[in-house]
Amino acid sequence: MPFIQINILKGRSPEKKERLIREVSDLVSEVLESPVQNVRVMINEVEPEHWGIAGDSVKKRNEVST
C-alpha cells in the first residue's frame, strides 16, 4: 500500500489540495501498478515560521522581500 506524505506551506485552497491528492494518487497508482484504492496521501501543512530556508524562516524571508 503506497503511502505518500507531502509537506507544504499553509495557504493553499481546499480545491488545490483536493487536486493534488487526486493527481498524486493517480500517478502513483500508474507508476507502481497499484490500485488507486490502495494509495494513501497525507498533506502536512507547515506554518511559514516553522519552515526554514538558508537559515531564515519563510515568514522572515517574506517580510524582508515585501
Protein backbone atom coordinates (compact mmCIF):
# COMPACT_ATOMS: atom_id res chain seq x y z
CA MET A 1 0.00 0.00 0.00
CA PRO A 2 1.76 3.21 -1.13
CA PHE A 3 1.72 5.95 1.49
CA ILE A 4 2.76 9.41 0.25
CA GLN A 5 3.49 12.35 2.58
CA ILE A 6 3.64 15.86 1.17
CA ASN A 7 4.88 18.85 3.17
CA ILE A 8 3.65 22.25 2.01
CA LEU A 9 3.34 25.71 3.47
CA LYS A 10 -0.09 26.66 4.74
CA GLY A 11 -2.22 28.79 2.49
CA ARG A 12 -3.37 26.62 -0.41
CA SER A 13 -7.09 26.41 -1.13
CA PRO A 14 -9.04 23.23 -0.36
CA GLU A 15 -9.59 22.83 -4.10
CA LYS A 16 -5.85 22.84 -4.82
CA LYS A 17 -5.22 20.27 -2.09
CA GLU A 18 -8.01 18.04 -3.46
CA ARG A 19 -6.45 18.26 -6.92
CA LEU A 20 -3.00 17.47 -5.52
CA ILE A 21 -4.33 14.38 -3.72
CA ARG A 22 -6.14 13.18 -6.85
CA GLU A 23 -3.25 13.69 -9.26
CA VAL A 24 -0.59 12.25 -6.94
CA SER A 25 -2.82 9.23 -6.28
CA ASP A 26 -3.37 8.65 -9.98
CA LEU A 27 0.33 8.96 -10.82
CA VAL A 28 1.50 6.68 -8.01
CA SER A 29 -1.13 4.15 -8.97
CA GLU A 30 0.05 4.19 -12.58
CA VAL A 31 3.79 4.11 -11.90
CA LEU A 32 3.66 1.44 -9.19
CA GLU A 33 0.88 -0.53 -10.89
CA SER A 34 -1.13 -0.43 -7.68
CA PRO A 35 -4.89 0.06 -7.47
CA VAL A 36 -5.68 3.71 -6.74
CA GLN A 37 -7.84 2.47 -3.86
CA ASN A 38 -4.63 1.35 -2.12
CA VAL A 39 -2.86 4.73 -2.41
CA ARG A 40 -2.79 6.95 0.67
CA VAL A 41 -1.79 10.63 0.58
CA MET A 42 -1.13 12.80 3.62
CA ILE A 43 -0.66 16.54 3.30
CA ASN A 44 1.23 18.16 6.16
CA GLU A 45 0.71 21.91 6.23
CA VAL A 46 3.51 23.86 7.87
CA GLU A 47 3.35 27.39 9.23
CA PRO A 48 5.76 29.77 7.44
CA GLU A 49 7.59 30.46 10.72
CA HIS A 50 8.25 26.70 11.05
CA TRP A 51 9.91 26.28 7.63
CA GLY A 52 13.49 27.46 7.18
CA ILE A 53 15.50 28.23 4.07
CA ALA A 54 19.17 29.18 4.26
CA GLY A 55 18.95 29.99 7.96
CA ASP A 56 15.78 32.10 7.93
CA SER A 57 12.13 31.18 8.31
CA VAL A 58 9.90 31.61 5.29
CA LYS A 59 7.89 34.12 7.33
CA LYS A 60 11.00 36.27 7.86
CA ARG A 61 12.08 35.92 4.22
CA ASN A 62 8.59 37.01 3.07
CA GLU A 63 8.65 40.04 5.38
CA VAL A 64 12.04 41.12 4.04
CA SER A 65 11.01 40.70 0.38
CA THR A 66 7.89 42.87 0.68
